[in-house]
Amino acid sequence: MKRLAGPTRVLRSGNPGALTSGLLNLLLEGEHEYLRDPRELMLTLAPYHHCARRLGEEPSELFDLVAAGAPVTLRDAVRTFGRRDDIEPESFGFAVVETADGPEYIRLL
């Protein structure tokens, strides 16, 4: 199990702006890895999609915003993923556990 610091920090902050900036940074830094392995891109996006819903935000709107600043090579994938309605932790290998510090995202794969 690996702690997912980004989505954990965003969920605890309650700040959708932190979601968009954090996710955009990941896409800019990991572009080559995500192009090489699109599954890794989906595993990265899924907790942020889930987090957006928990914050009461519409994932498609946030992902559209992120896609606008993302590398051109990833924009369509990010927009498309934001429109999905089947993103559940068990399907994407992550979980949200309650800790003394608040909710925490962990990767199970």
C-alpha atoms as a PDB file:
ATOM      1  CA  MET A   1       0.000   0.000   0.000  1.00  0.00           C
ATOM      2  CA  LYS A   2       1.254   3.424  -0.963  1.00  0.00           C
ATOM      3  CA  ARG A   3      -0.055   6.676   0.470  1.00  0.00           C
ATOM      4  CA  LEU A   4      -1.359   9.034  -2.215  1.00  0.00           C
ATOM      5  CA  ALA A   5      -0.272  12.399  -0.845  1.00  0.00           C
ATOM      6  CA  GLY A   6      -1.827  14.577  -3.571  1.00  0.00           C
ATOM      7  CA  PRO A   7      -5.470  13.525  -3.371  1.00  0.00           C
ATOM      8  CA  THR A   8      -5.175  13.151   0.414  1.00  0.00           C
ATOM      9  CA  ARG A   9      -3.961  16.743   0.758  1.00  0.00           C
ATOM     10  CA  VAL A  10      -6.714  18.023  -1.558  1.00  0.00           C
ATOM     11  CA  LEU A  11      -9.517  16.170   0.232  1.00  0.00           C
ATOM     12  CA  ARG A  12      -8.353  17.321   3.642  1.00  0.00           C
ATOM     13  CA  SER A  13      -8.058  20.928   2.452  1.00  0.00           C
ATOM     14  CA  GLY A  14     -11.518  20.940   0.871  1.00  0.00           C
ATOM     15  CA  ASN A  15     -10.078  23.161  -1.872  1.00  0.00           C
ATOM     16  CA  PRO A  16     -10.974  22.305  -5.491  1.00  0.00           C
ATOM     17  CA  GLY A  17      -8.281  24.741  -6.655  1.00  0.00           C
ATOM     18  CA  ALA A  18      -5.692  22.531  -4.987  1.00  0.00           C
ATOM     19  CA  LEU A  19      -7.068  19.613  -7.002  1.00  0.00           C
ATOM     20  CA  THR A  20      -6.645  21.358 -10.339  1.00  0.00           C
ATOM     21  CA  SER A  21      -3.153  22.673  -9.599  1.00  0.00           C
ATOM     22  CA  GLY A  22      -1.937  19.391  -8.100  1.00  0.00           C
ATOM     23  CA  LEU A  23      -3.264  17.296 -10.951  1.00  0.00           C
ATOM     24  CA  LEU A  24      -1.892  19.674 -13.568  1.00  0.00           C
ATOM     25  CA  ASN A  25       1.575  19.455 -12.001  1.00  0.00           C
ATOM     26  CA  LEU A  26       1.428  15.647 -12.110  1.00  0.00           C
ATOM     27  CA  LEU A  27       0.470  15.678 -15.779  1.00  0.00           C
ATOM     28  CA  LEU A  28       3.243  18.094 -16.693  1.00  0.00           C
ATOM     29  CA  GLU A  29       5.865  16.120 -14.767  1.00  0.00           C
ATOM     30  CA  GLY A  30       4.686  12.658 -15.842  1.00  0.00           C
ATOM     31  CA  GLU A  31       3.726  13.213 -19.479  1.00  0.00           C
ATOM     32  CA  HIS A  32       6.237  10.753 -20.921  1.00  0.00           C
ATOM     33  CA  GLU A  33       5.380   8.044 -18.391  1.00  0.00           C
ATOM     34  CA  TYR A  34       1.650   8.450 -19.023  1.00  0.00           C
ATOM     35  CA  LEU A  35       2.127   8.267 -22.789  1.00  0.00           C
ATOM     36  CA  ARG A  36       4.186   5.113 -22.385  1.00  0.00           C
ATOM     37  CA  ASP A  37       1.648   3.498 -20.044  1.00  0.00           C
ATOM     38  CA  PRO A  38      -1.912   4.878 -20.343  1.00  0.00           C
ATOM     39  CA  ARG A  39      -3.038   2.594 -17.511  1.00  0.00           C
ATOM     40  CA  GLU A  40      -0.786   4.546 -15.165  1.00  0.00           C
ATOM     41  CA  LEU A  41      -2.524   7.731 -16.290  1.00  0.00           C
ATOM     42  CA  MET A  42      -5.916   6.248 -15.384  1.00  0.00           C
ATOM     43  CA  LEU A  43      -4.625   5.066 -12.000  1.00  0.00           C
ATOM     44  CA  THR A  44      -3.345   8.585 -11.348  1.00  0.00           C
ATOM     45  CA  LEU A  45      -6.524  10.354 -12.464  1.00  0.00           C
ATOM     46  CA  ALA A  46      -9.002   8.107 -10.639  1.00  0.00           C
ATOM     47  CA  PRO A  47      -8.362   9.278  -7.049  1.00  0.00           C
ATOM     48  CA  TYR A  48      -8.606  12.917  -8.165  1.00  0.00           C
ATOM     49  CA  HIS A  49     -11.903  12.178  -9.933  1.00  0.00           C
ATOM     50  CA  HIS A  50     -13.202  10.528  -6.764  1.00  0.00           C
ATOM     51  CA  CYS A  51     -11.888  13.417  -4.666  1.00  0.00           C
ATOM     52  CA  ALA A  52     -13.711  15.961  -6.845  1.00  0.00           C
ATOM     53  CA  ARG A  53     -16.997  14.161  -6.194  1.00  0.00           C
ATOM     54  CA  ARG A  54     -16.315  14.039  -2.450  1.00  0.00           C
ATOM     55  CA  LEU A  55     -15.725  17.790  -2.530  1.00  0.00           C
ATOM     56  CA  GLY A  56     -19.124  18.241  -4.204  1.00  0.00           C
ATOM     57  CA  GLU A  57     -17.581  19.308  -7.507  1.00  0.00           C
ATOM     58  CA  GLU A  58     -18.410  18.131 -11.007  1.00  0.00           C
ATOM     59  CA  PRO A  59     -15.381  16.085 -12.163  1.00  0.00           C
ATOM     60  CA  SER A  60     -15.942  16.896 -15.841  1.00  0.00           C
ATOM     61  CA  GLU A  61     -15.669  20.632 -15.160  1.00  0.00           C
ATOM     62  CA  LEU A  62     -12.488  20.302 -13.114  1.00  0.00           C
ATOM     63  CA  PHE A  63     -10.918  17.884 -15.582  1.00  0.00           C
ATOM     64  CA  ASP A  64     -11.765  20.223 -18.481  1.00  0.00           C
ATOM     65  CA  LEU A  65      -9.963  23.003 -16.636  1.00  0.00           C
ATOM     66  CA  VAL A  66      -6.943  20.785 -15.995  1.00  0.00           C
ATOM     67  CA  ALA A  67      -6.930  19.538 -19.596  1.00  0.00           C
ATOM     68  CA  ALA A  68      -6.716  23.104 -20.895  1.00  0.00           C
ATOM     69  CA  GLY A  69      -3.299  23.486 -19.258  1.00  0.00           C
ATOM     70  CA  ALA A  70      -2.113  19.905 -19.654  1.00  0.00           C
ATOM     71  CA  PRO A  71       0.323  18.733 -22.321  1.00  0.00           C
ATOM     72  CA  VAL A  72      -1.429  18.563 -25.700  1.00  0.00           C
ATOM     73  CA  THR A  73      -0.716  14.832 -25.874  1.00  0.00           C
ATOM     74  CA  LEU A  74      -2.800  14.165 -22.731  1.00  0.00           C
ATOM     75  CA  ARG A  75      -5.669  16.638 -23.125  1.00  0.00           C
ATOM     76  CA  ASP A  76      -8.207  14.345 -24.774  1.00  0.00           C
ATOM     77  CA  ALA A  77      -7.551  11.529 -22.307  1.00  0.00           C
ATOM     78  CA  VAL A  78      -7.979  13.876 -19.333  1.00  0.00           C
ATOM     79  CA  ARG A  79     -11.217  15.374 -20.695  1.00  0.00           C
ATOM     80  CA  THR A  80     -12.642  11.951 -21.491  1.00  0.00           C
ATOM     81  CA  PHE A  81     -11.724  10.560 -18.080  1.00  0.00           C
ATOM     82  CA  GLY A  82     -13.407  13.510 -16.365  1.00  0.00           C
ATOM     83  CA  ARG A  83     -16.704  12.557 -17.999  1.00  0.00           C
ATOM     84  CA  ARG A  84     -16.688   8.987 -16.739  1.00  0.00           C
ATOM     85  CA  ASP A  85     -19.301   8.024 -14.171  1.00  0.00           C
ATOM     86  CA  ASP A  86     -17.901   4.640 -13.216  1.00  0.00           C
ATOM     87  CA  ILE A  87     -14.908   5.696 -11.114  1.00  0.00           C
ATOM     88  CA  GLU A  88     -14.975   3.682  -7.905  1.00  0.00           C
ATOM     89  CA  PRO A  89     -12.005   2.986  -5.626  1.00  0.00           C
ATOM     90  CA  GLU A  90     -12.164  -0.799  -5.914  1.00  0.00           C
ATOM     91  CA  SER A  91     -12.152  -0.627  -9.722  1.00  0.00           C
ATOM     92  CA  PHE A  92      -9.029   1.526  -9.842  1.00  0.00           C
ATOM     93  CA  GLY A  93      -6.947   0.005  -7.069  1.00  0.00           C
ATOM     94  CA  PHE A  94      -7.228   2.666  -4.398  1.00  0.00           C
ATOM     95  CA  ALA A  95      -9.082   3.172  -1.149  1.00  0.00           C
ATOM     96  CA  VAL A  96      -9.941   6.000   1.199  1.00  0.00           C
ATOM     97  CA  VAL A  97      -9.326   5.175   4.834  1.00  0.00           C
ATOM     98  CA  GLU A  98     -10.139   7.254   7.879  1.00  0.00           C
ATOM     99  CA  THR A  99      -7.126   8.099  10.037  1.00  0.00           C
ATOM    100  CA  ALA A 100      -6.609  10.291  13.086  1.00  0.00           C
ATOM    101  CA  ASP A 101      -5.493  13.056  10.693  1.00  0.00           C
ATOM    102  CA  GLY A 102      -8.524  12.689   8.435  1.00  0.00           C
ATOM    103  CA  PRO A 103      -9.294  10.766   5.250  1.00  0.00           C
ATOM    104  CA  GLU A 104      -6.325   9.298   3.414  1.00  0.00           C
ATOM    105  CA  TYR A 105      -6.080   7.925  -0.118  1.00  0.00           C
ATOM    106  CA  ILE A 106      -3.969   4.807  -0.497  1.00  0.00           C
ATOM    107  CA  ARG A 107      -3.013   2.852  -3.593  1.00  0.00           C
ATOM    108  CA  LEU A 108      -3.647  -0.863  -3.332  1.00  0.00           C
ATOM    109  CA  LEU A 109      -1.950  -1.960  -6.577  1.00  0.00           C
END
